[in-house]
N, C-alpha and C. Protein backbone atom coordinates (compact mmCIF):
# COMPACT_ATOMS: atom_id res chain seq x y z
N MET A 1 -83.20 221.31 64.50
CA MET A 1 -82.67 221.49 63.20
C MET A 1 -81.33 220.75 63.11
N LYS A 2 -80.67 220.70 64.22
CA LYS A 2 -79.37 219.99 64.18
C LYS A 2 -79.74 218.44 63.91
N THR A 3 -80.77 218.03 64.36
CA THR A 3 -81.16 216.57 64.21
C THR A 3 -81.39 216.30 62.78
N ILE A 4 -82.04 217.16 62.13
CA ILE A 4 -82.40 216.99 60.75
C ILE A 4 -81.17 216.91 59.97
N LEU A 5 -80.25 217.80 60.28
CA LEU A 5 -78.94 217.87 59.59
C LEU A 5 -78.26 216.56 59.74
N VAL A 6 -78.21 216.09 61.00
CA VAL A 6 -77.45 214.88 61.31
C VAL A 6 -78.06 213.59 60.57
N LEU A 7 -79.47 213.66 60.65
CA LEU A 7 -79.99 212.50 59.97
C LEU A 7 -79.91 212.58 58.44
N GLY A 8 -79.94 213.81 57.91
CA GLY A 8 -79.74 213.97 56.40
C GLY A 8 -78.23 213.56 56.03
N ALA A 9 -77.30 213.97 56.92
CA ALA A 9 -75.87 213.55 56.61
C ALA A 9 -75.71 212.07 56.69
N ALA A 10 -76.39 211.38 57.68
CA ALA A 10 -76.35 209.93 57.83
C ALA A 10 -76.98 209.33 56.73
N ALA A 11 -78.06 209.82 56.15
CA ALA A 11 -78.74 209.28 55.05
C ALA A 11 -77.95 209.38 53.84
N ALA A 12 -77.21 210.44 53.63
CA ALA A 12 -76.41 210.59 52.54
C ALA A 12 -75.24 209.75 52.52
N VAL A 13 -74.68 209.58 53.77
CA VAL A 13 -73.52 208.52 53.80
C VAL A 13 -73.99 207.17 53.62
N LEU A 14 -75.12 206.77 54.08
CA LEU A 14 -75.61 205.43 53.85
C LEU A 14 -76.00 205.24 52.35
N ALA A 15 -76.48 206.34 51.79
CA ALA A 15 -76.88 206.11 50.38
C ALA A 15 -75.58 206.01 49.37
N GLY A 16 -74.45 206.54 49.89
CA GLY A 16 -73.23 206.40 49.12
C GLY A 16 -72.63 205.03 49.29
N CYS A 17 -72.94 204.27 50.32
CA CYS A 17 -72.42 202.97 50.40
C CYS A 17 -73.01 201.97 49.49
N SER A 18 -72.31 201.13 48.97
CA SER A 18 -72.72 200.11 48.08
C SER A 18 -72.49 198.71 48.64
N ILE A 19 -73.29 197.83 48.31
CA ILE A 19 -73.07 196.51 48.74
C ILE A 19 -72.49 195.78 47.64
N LYS A 20 -71.42 195.03 47.91
CA LYS A 20 -70.80 194.23 46.82
C LYS A 20 -70.93 192.69 47.32
N GLU A 21 -71.38 191.88 46.36
CA GLU A 21 -71.52 190.48 46.66
C GLU A 21 -70.47 189.76 45.80
N THR A 22 -69.97 188.87 46.56
CA THR A 22 -68.96 187.90 45.92
C THR A 22 -69.56 186.60 45.65
N GLU A 23 -69.51 186.19 44.35
CA GLU A 23 -70.04 184.95 43.96
C GLU A 23 -68.89 183.84 44.04
N VAL A 24 -69.06 182.80 44.63
CA VAL A 24 -68.07 181.75 44.80
C VAL A 24 -68.46 180.68 43.78
N ARG A 25 -67.49 180.43 42.85
CA ARG A 25 -67.77 179.30 41.82
C ARG A 25 -66.70 178.21 42.00
N GLN A 26 -67.00 177.07 41.64
CA GLN A 26 -66.10 175.94 41.80
C GLN A 26 -65.09 176.07 40.64
N ALA A 27 -63.88 175.87 40.95
CA ALA A 27 -62.75 175.93 39.91
C ALA A 27 -62.98 174.93 38.85
N ALA A 28 -62.68 175.42 37.59
CA ALA A 28 -62.80 174.42 36.48
C ALA A 28 -61.67 173.26 36.68
N ALA A 29 -62.04 172.07 36.24
CA ALA A 29 -61.09 171.01 36.42
C ALA A 29 -60.01 171.18 35.29
N PRO A 30 -58.82 170.89 35.72
CA PRO A 30 -57.67 171.01 34.73
C PRO A 30 -57.81 169.99 33.67
N PRO A 31 -57.36 170.31 32.41
CA PRO A 31 -57.49 169.36 31.29
C PRO A 31 -56.84 167.97 31.70
N ARG A 32 -57.55 166.97 31.07
CA ARG A 32 -57.04 165.57 31.39
C ARG A 32 -55.79 165.32 30.65
N VAL A 33 -54.94 164.70 31.32
CA VAL A 33 -53.63 164.37 30.67
C VAL A 33 -53.71 162.92 29.99
N VAL A 34 -53.50 162.81 28.80
CA VAL A 34 -53.64 161.58 28.06
C VAL A 34 -52.18 161.16 27.77
N TYR A 35 -51.86 160.00 28.19
CA TYR A 35 -50.46 159.52 27.88
C TYR A 35 -50.58 158.51 26.67
N VAL A 36 -49.72 158.80 25.73
CA VAL A 36 -49.73 158.01 24.56
C VAL A 36 -48.42 157.05 24.65
N PRO A 37 -48.65 155.81 24.48
CA PRO A 37 -47.45 154.97 24.54
C PRO A 37 -46.44 155.24 23.48
N ALA A 38 -45.19 155.00 23.68
CA ALA A 38 -44.20 155.16 22.75
C ALA A 38 -44.28 154.17 21.53
N PRO A 39 -43.95 154.60 20.28
CA PRO A 39 -44.22 153.71 19.31
C PRO A 39 -43.25 152.42 19.37
N THR A 40 -43.89 151.37 18.96
CA THR A 40 -43.08 150.16 19.08
C THR A 40 -42.33 149.80 17.81
N VAL A 41 -41.14 149.56 17.94
CA VAL A 41 -40.25 149.29 16.76
C VAL A 41 -40.17 147.72 16.67
N VAL A 42 -40.56 147.28 15.38
CA VAL A 42 -40.51 145.84 15.24
C VAL A 42 -39.47 145.65 14.16
N TYR A 43 -38.43 144.71 14.47
CA TYR A 43 -37.53 144.41 13.61
C TYR A 43 -37.85 143.19 12.79
N GLN A 44 -37.82 143.30 11.41
CA GLN A 44 -38.25 142.30 10.60
C GLN A 44 -37.12 141.97 9.65
N SER A 45 -36.88 140.71 9.49
CA SER A 45 -35.81 140.36 8.59
C SER A 45 -36.21 140.69 7.12
N PRO A 46 -35.35 141.01 6.25
CA PRO A 46 -35.73 141.34 4.89
C PRO A 46 -36.28 140.12 4.15
N PRO A 47 -37.07 140.22 3.14
CA PRO A 47 -37.55 139.08 2.52
C PRO A 47 -36.46 138.26 1.83
N THR A 48 -36.55 136.95 1.66
CA THR A 48 -35.49 136.28 1.03
C THR A 48 -35.69 136.37 -0.47
N THR A 49 -34.57 136.63 -1.21
CA THR A 49 -34.61 136.69 -2.60
C THR A 49 -33.86 135.55 -3.24
N VAL A 50 -34.42 135.18 -4.34
CA VAL A 50 -33.65 134.00 -4.97
C VAL A 50 -33.02 134.62 -6.22
N GLU A 51 -31.74 134.58 -6.25
CA GLU A 51 -30.98 135.06 -7.42
C GLU A 51 -31.11 134.13 -8.61
N GLN A 52 -31.51 134.70 -9.66
CA GLN A 52 -31.64 133.94 -10.92
C GLN A 52 -30.62 134.43 -11.86
N PRO A 53 -29.99 133.48 -12.60
CA PRO A 53 -28.86 133.81 -13.43
C PRO A 53 -29.38 134.85 -14.49
N MET A 54 -28.60 135.83 -14.84
CA MET A 54 -28.89 136.71 -15.85
C MET A 54 -28.72 136.15 -17.21
N ILE A 55 -29.72 136.19 -17.97
CA ILE A 55 -29.75 135.65 -19.37
C ILE A 55 -29.51 136.88 -20.25
N TYR A 56 -28.39 137.02 -20.80
CA TYR A 56 -28.17 138.13 -21.72
C TYR A 56 -28.58 137.78 -23.16
N SER A 57 -29.45 138.65 -23.64
CA SER A 57 -29.85 138.53 -25.08
C SER A 57 -29.49 139.83 -25.69
N ALA A 58 -28.77 139.57 -26.80
CA ALA A 58 -28.29 140.81 -27.59
C ALA A 58 -29.59 141.45 -28.19
N PRO A 59 -29.62 142.74 -28.20
CA PRO A 59 -30.69 143.49 -28.90
C PRO A 59 -30.80 142.91 -30.32
N SER A 60 -31.97 142.78 -30.80
CA SER A 60 -32.14 142.36 -32.20
C SER A 60 -31.71 143.49 -33.13
N THR A 61 -31.08 143.16 -34.25
CA THR A 61 -30.58 144.16 -35.11
C THR A 61 -31.08 143.71 -36.52
N GLN A 62 -31.84 144.54 -37.13
CA GLN A 62 -32.45 144.32 -38.53
C GLN A 62 -31.70 145.45 -39.34
N SER A 63 -31.70 145.23 -40.65
CA SER A 63 -31.10 146.22 -41.49
C SER A 63 -32.06 146.59 -42.64
N VAL A 64 -31.75 147.76 -43.14
CA VAL A 64 -32.61 148.26 -44.31
C VAL A 64 -31.54 148.98 -45.22
N ALA A 65 -31.74 148.78 -46.53
CA ALA A 65 -30.93 149.42 -47.52
C ALA A 65 -31.82 150.49 -48.11
N VAL A 66 -31.30 151.67 -48.44
CA VAL A 66 -31.99 152.86 -48.89
C VAL A 66 -31.17 153.34 -49.99
N THR A 67 -31.71 153.56 -51.23
CA THR A 67 -31.09 154.26 -52.33
C THR A 67 -31.42 155.73 -52.33
N TYR A 68 -30.50 156.53 -52.68
CA TYR A 68 -30.79 158.02 -52.65
C TYR A 68 -29.98 158.61 -53.87
N GLN A 69 -30.32 159.97 -54.04
CA GLN A 69 -29.60 160.71 -55.11
C GLN A 69 -29.76 162.19 -54.76
N GLY A 70 -28.96 162.93 -55.20
CA GLY A 70 -28.92 164.44 -54.98
C GLY A 70 -28.20 164.89 -53.70
N MET A 71 -28.17 166.21 -53.43
CA MET A 71 -27.39 166.81 -52.41
C MET A 71 -27.96 166.29 -51.02
N ASN A 72 -29.26 166.40 -50.88
CA ASN A 72 -29.77 166.17 -49.53
C ASN A 72 -30.30 164.62 -49.48
N GLY A 73 -29.97 163.91 -50.36
CA GLY A 73 -30.40 162.50 -50.48
C GLY A 73 -29.99 161.63 -49.32
N PHE A 74 -28.80 161.76 -48.87
CA PHE A 74 -28.23 160.97 -47.71
C PHE A 74 -29.04 161.34 -46.47
N GLN A 75 -29.35 162.53 -46.27
CA GLN A 75 -30.17 162.91 -45.05
C GLN A 75 -31.62 162.40 -45.15
N LEU A 76 -32.16 162.44 -46.35
CA LEU A 76 -33.54 161.83 -46.62
C LEU A 76 -33.53 160.36 -46.41
N ALA A 77 -32.41 159.71 -46.89
CA ALA A 77 -32.32 158.26 -46.74
C ALA A 77 -32.24 157.96 -45.27
N TRP A 78 -31.61 158.65 -44.49
CA TRP A 78 -31.44 158.41 -43.09
C TRP A 78 -32.83 158.51 -42.30
N GLN A 79 -33.56 159.49 -42.85
CA GLN A 79 -34.89 159.81 -42.32
C GLN A 79 -35.87 158.62 -42.69
N LYS A 80 -35.78 158.23 -44.00
CA LYS A 80 -36.68 157.12 -44.38
C LYS A 80 -36.30 155.84 -43.63
N ALA A 81 -34.95 155.50 -43.38
CA ALA A 81 -34.58 154.32 -42.72
C ALA A 81 -35.05 154.49 -41.25
N ASP A 82 -35.09 155.58 -40.71
CA ASP A 82 -35.55 155.78 -39.25
C ASP A 82 -37.04 155.48 -39.24
N THR A 83 -37.79 155.92 -40.15
CA THR A 83 -39.28 155.80 -40.20
C THR A 83 -39.51 154.35 -40.40
N TYR A 84 -38.79 153.70 -41.34
CA TYR A 84 -39.08 152.25 -41.63
C TYR A 84 -38.75 151.46 -40.37
N CYS A 85 -37.72 151.66 -39.71
CA CYS A 85 -37.36 150.88 -38.48
C CYS A 85 -38.40 151.13 -37.45
N ASP A 86 -38.86 152.28 -37.23
CA ASP A 86 -39.98 152.57 -36.04
C ASP A 86 -41.21 151.87 -36.56
N ASP A 87 -41.51 151.90 -37.83
CA ASP A 87 -42.71 151.27 -38.13
C ASP A 87 -42.73 149.82 -38.06
N HIS A 88 -41.59 149.19 -38.40
CA HIS A 88 -41.52 147.71 -38.45
C HIS A 88 -41.04 147.01 -37.22
N TYR A 89 -40.21 147.80 -36.41
CA TYR A 89 -39.59 147.04 -35.20
C TYR A 89 -39.90 147.77 -33.96
N GLY A 90 -40.64 148.94 -33.96
CA GLY A 90 -41.01 149.58 -32.65
C GLY A 90 -39.89 150.62 -32.37
N ASN A 91 -39.62 150.63 -31.01
CA ASN A 91 -38.78 151.64 -30.53
C ASN A 91 -37.19 151.24 -30.96
N THR A 92 -36.67 151.85 -31.87
CA THR A 92 -35.39 151.42 -32.48
C THR A 92 -34.57 152.68 -32.59
N ARG A 93 -33.20 152.40 -32.75
CA ARG A 93 -32.25 153.42 -33.05
C ARG A 93 -31.58 153.04 -34.38
N VAL A 94 -31.43 154.05 -35.30
CA VAL A 94 -30.82 153.83 -36.54
C VAL A 94 -29.31 154.10 -36.60
N ARG A 95 -28.61 153.06 -37.17
CA ARG A 95 -27.12 153.21 -37.16
C ARG A 95 -26.64 152.90 -38.58
N LEU A 96 -25.81 153.71 -39.08
CA LEU A 96 -25.16 153.55 -40.40
C LEU A 96 -24.24 152.36 -40.48
N ILE A 97 -24.47 151.46 -41.38
CA ILE A 97 -23.51 150.35 -41.59
C ILE A 97 -22.63 150.58 -42.70
N SER A 98 -23.15 150.94 -43.85
CA SER A 98 -22.31 151.30 -45.03
C SER A 98 -22.92 152.38 -45.84
N ASP A 99 -22.17 153.10 -46.60
CA ASP A 99 -22.59 154.17 -47.44
C ASP A 99 -21.78 154.10 -48.74
N ASP A 100 -22.33 153.93 -49.92
CA ASP A 100 -21.73 154.02 -51.22
C ASP A 100 -22.27 155.27 -51.90
N ARG A 101 -21.53 156.40 -51.70
CA ARG A 101 -22.06 157.65 -52.19
C ARG A 101 -22.14 157.75 -53.79
N THR A 102 -21.21 157.07 -54.40
CA THR A 102 -21.23 157.10 -55.81
C THR A 102 -22.36 156.32 -56.46
N ALA A 103 -22.74 155.17 -55.72
CA ALA A 103 -23.89 154.33 -56.24
C ALA A 103 -25.21 154.97 -55.61
N GLY A 104 -25.05 155.72 -54.52
CA GLY A 104 -26.24 156.27 -53.88
C GLY A 104 -27.09 155.26 -53.15
N ARG A 105 -26.33 154.47 -52.44
CA ARG A 105 -26.91 153.37 -51.56
C ARG A 105 -26.31 153.29 -50.26
N ALA A 106 -27.22 153.34 -49.17
CA ALA A 106 -26.78 153.29 -47.78
C ALA A 106 -27.44 152.13 -47.11
N VAL A 107 -26.86 151.38 -46.23
CA VAL A 107 -27.37 150.31 -45.43
C VAL A 107 -27.35 150.82 -43.95
N PHE A 108 -28.53 150.73 -43.36
CA PHE A 108 -28.72 151.11 -42.00
C PHE A 108 -29.12 149.93 -41.18
N ALA A 109 -28.70 149.99 -39.85
CA ALA A 109 -29.19 148.96 -39.01
C ALA A 109 -30.19 149.44 -38.04
N CYS A 110 -31.22 148.76 -37.71
CA CYS A 110 -32.23 149.11 -36.75
C CYS A 110 -32.05 148.38 -35.50
N ASP A 111 -31.33 149.07 -34.57
CA ASP A 111 -31.03 148.50 -33.25
C ASP A 111 -32.23 148.69 -32.26
N THR A 112 -32.77 147.56 -31.71
CA THR A 112 -33.89 147.65 -30.79
C THR A 112 -33.37 148.19 -29.43
N LEU A 113 -34.11 149.18 -28.96
CA LEU A 113 -33.72 149.65 -27.66
C LEU A 113 -34.27 148.90 -26.48
């Protein structure tokens, strides 16, 4: 009976043991190092420029005379002169040259911008 107990105990001890296996793998290769050359600085002389003499041309000035009457007549005359100058000379600025309020006549200059 003792033998059976010893064999049973030995079987229980052996059953409790487990076998562990270790798998050997080859280590992964480290990432490859890529060397980038430093940027090359190229010195280049600036392009040659030829200076041309500045030719000054005065902006063209045209004039328009507008007759008006009434309280708001001068303001309406200014607006009409502005419209006339834009229509006939393009991008212009209106400038008052003379104004005769008693006669109701104003002269405006159309200065080209």
